[in-house]
Amino acid sequence: MATQHHCDAIGSKMSGTSIPIGVLNARDALQVFLTEVEQEETLLRDYVMCIGYH
């Protein structure tokens, strides 16, 4: 019985070999997320204060 790669199981268009292309640092990912949340918070605060969107 042939085994199926995880990426193939979720419909990836990859070839049979999987090669890592980089490393994701959890701290960097959380920093990006925090920045996005802060931007959304600023937009919401401005909207509520009737300043509107920029």
N, C-alpha and C. Protein backbone atom coordinates (compact mmCIF):
# COMPACT_ATOMS: atom_id res chain seq x y z
N MET A 1 0.84 -1.17 0.00
CA MET A 1 0.00 0.00 0.00
C MET A 1 0.89 1.24 0.00
N ALA A 2 0.61 2.15 -0.89
CA ALA A 2 1.42 3.37 -1.02
C ALA A 2 1.02 4.36 0.06
N THR A 3 2.00 5.05 0.60
CA THR A 3 1.70 6.07 1.60
C THR A 3 1.48 7.39 0.90
N GLN A 4 0.67 8.23 1.49
CA GLN A 4 0.36 9.52 0.90
C GLN A 4 0.93 10.61 1.79
N HIS A 5 1.65 11.56 1.18
CA HIS A 5 2.22 12.68 1.95
C HIS A 5 1.09 13.54 2.49
N HIS A 6 1.33 14.17 3.65
CA HIS A 6 0.33 15.05 4.26
C HIS A 6 -0.07 16.16 3.29
N CYS A 7 0.89 16.77 2.61
CA CYS A 7 0.59 17.87 1.69
C CYS A 7 -0.29 17.39 0.55
N ASP A 8 -0.04 16.18 0.06
CA ASP A 8 -0.86 15.63 -1.01
C ASP A 8 -2.28 15.38 -0.51
N ALA A 9 -2.42 15.01 0.75
CA ALA A 9 -3.73 14.71 1.31
C ALA A 9 -4.61 15.94 1.41
N ILE A 10 -4.01 17.12 1.51
CA ILE A 10 -4.82 18.33 1.63
C ILE A 10 -4.92 19.06 0.29
N GLY A 11 -4.54 18.41 -0.78
CA GLY A 11 -4.75 18.97 -2.11
C GLY A 11 -3.63 19.86 -2.60
N SER A 12 -2.44 19.70 -2.11
CA SER A 12 -1.32 20.51 -2.56
C SER A 12 -0.93 20.13 -3.98
N LYS A 13 -0.43 21.09 -4.72
CA LYS A 13 0.02 20.87 -6.09
C LYS A 13 1.52 20.58 -6.15
N MET A 14 2.11 20.22 -5.01
CA MET A 14 3.55 19.96 -4.94
C MET A 14 3.89 18.65 -5.62
N SER A 15 5.14 18.54 -6.02
CA SER A 15 5.61 17.26 -6.54
C SER A 15 5.79 16.29 -5.38
N GLY A 16 6.28 15.10 -5.65
CA GLY A 16 6.43 14.09 -4.63
C GLY A 16 7.43 14.41 -3.54
N THR A 17 8.35 15.34 -3.78
CA THR A 17 9.35 15.67 -2.77
C THR A 17 9.02 17.01 -2.13
N SER A 18 9.15 17.07 -0.83
CA SER A 18 8.91 18.30 -0.08
C SER A 18 10.23 18.81 0.45
N ILE A 19 10.54 20.06 0.14
CA ILE A 19 11.79 20.67 0.57
C ILE A 19 11.45 21.92 1.39
N PRO A 20 11.96 22.02 2.62
CA PRO A 20 11.70 23.23 3.42
C PRO A 20 12.28 24.46 2.73
N ILE A 21 11.56 25.56 2.75
CA ILE A 21 12.05 26.79 2.11
C ILE A 21 12.42 27.85 3.14
N GLY A 22 12.23 27.57 4.42
CA GLY A 22 12.60 28.54 5.44
C GLY A 22 12.13 28.11 6.81
N VAL A 23 12.43 28.94 7.78
CA VAL A 23 12.06 28.66 9.16
C VAL A 23 11.23 29.84 9.66
N LEU A 24 10.14 29.53 10.30
CA LEU A 24 9.28 30.56 10.88
C LEU A 24 9.55 30.64 12.37
N ASN A 25 9.98 31.78 12.81
CA ASN A 25 10.24 32.01 14.23
C ASN A 25 8.92 32.44 14.87
N ALA A 26 8.52 31.79 15.94
CA ALA A 26 7.25 32.08 16.61
C ALA A 26 7.19 33.53 17.08
N ARG A 27 8.28 34.06 17.54
CA ARG A 27 8.30 35.45 18.00
C ARG A 27 8.01 36.41 16.85
N ASP A 28 8.59 36.15 15.68
CA ASP A 28 8.34 37.00 14.52
C ASP A 28 6.88 36.92 14.08
N ALA A 29 6.31 35.72 14.10
CA ALA A 29 4.91 35.54 13.71
C ALA A 29 3.99 36.27 14.68
N LEU A 30 4.26 36.17 15.97
CA LEU A 30 3.44 36.86 16.97
C LEU A 30 3.58 38.38 16.86
N GLN A 31 4.76 38.86 16.51
CA GLN A 31 4.97 40.30 16.36
C GLN A 31 4.14 40.83 15.19
N VAL A 32 4.09 40.10 14.09
CA VAL A 32 3.28 40.51 12.94
C VAL A 32 1.81 40.52 13.33
N PHE A 33 1.37 39.48 14.04
CA PHE A 33 -0.02 39.41 14.48
C PHE A 33 -0.35 40.57 15.41
N LEU A 34 0.50 40.88 16.36
CA LEU A 34 0.27 41.98 17.28
C LEU A 34 0.18 43.31 16.54
N THR A 35 1.03 43.52 15.56
CA THR A 35 0.99 44.74 14.77
C THR A 35 -0.33 44.88 14.04
N GLU A 36 -0.82 43.79 13.46
CA GLU A 36 -2.11 43.83 12.77
C GLU A 36 -3.25 44.13 13.74
N VAL A 37 -3.21 43.54 14.92
CA VAL A 37 -4.25 43.78 15.93
C VAL A 37 -4.22 45.24 16.38
N GLU A 38 -3.04 45.79 16.56
CA GLU A 38 -2.93 47.19 16.97
C GLU A 38 -3.48 48.12 15.89
N GLN A 39 -3.24 47.79 14.62
CA GLN A 39 -3.77 48.61 13.53
C GLN A 39 -5.30 48.55 13.50
N GLU A 40 -5.85 47.35 13.70
CA GLU A 40 -7.31 47.20 13.73
C GLU A 40 -7.90 47.97 14.91
N GLU A 41 -7.23 47.93 16.05
CA GLU A 41 -7.69 48.65 17.23
C GLU A 41 -7.71 50.15 16.97
N THR A 42 -6.69 50.66 16.31
CA THR A 42 -6.63 52.08 15.98
C THR A 42 -7.76 52.47 15.04
N LEU A 43 -8.00 51.64 14.02
CA LEU A 43 -9.10 51.92 13.09
C LEU A 43 -10.44 51.94 13.81
N LEU A 44 -10.67 50.97 14.68
CA LEU A 44 -11.93 50.91 15.41
C LEU A 44 -12.09 52.10 16.34
N ARG A 45 -11.03 52.46 17.04
CA ARG A 45 -11.08 53.61 17.95
C ARG A 45 -11.39 54.89 17.17
N ASP A 46 -10.72 55.08 16.04
CA ASP A 46 -10.97 56.26 15.21
C ASP A 46 -12.40 56.29 14.70
N TYR A 47 -12.92 55.14 14.32
CA TYR A 47 -14.30 55.06 13.83
C TYR A 47 -15.29 55.42 14.94
N VAL A 48 -15.08 54.87 16.12
CA VAL A 48 -15.98 55.12 17.25
C VAL A 48 -15.91 56.60 17.67
N MET A 49 -14.74 57.19 17.55
CA MET A 49 -14.56 58.60 17.93
C MET A 49 -15.01 59.54 16.80
N CYS A 50 -15.62 59.00 15.74
CA CYS A 50 -16.13 59.75 14.59
C CYS A 50 -15.04 60.43 13.78
N ILE A 51 -13.82 59.91 13.86
CA ILE A 51 -12.74 60.43 13.03
C ILE A 51 -12.81 59.75 11.67
N GLY A 52 -13.27 58.51 11.65
CA GLY A 52 -13.42 57.77 10.39
C GLY A 52 -12.16 57.02 10.02
N TYR A 53 -12.25 56.33 8.90
CA TYR A 53 -11.12 55.55 8.40
C TYR A 53 -10.18 56.46 7.63
N HIS A 54 -8.91 56.09 7.65
CA HIS A 54 -7.88 56.87 6.93
C HIS A 54 -7.67 56.29 5.56
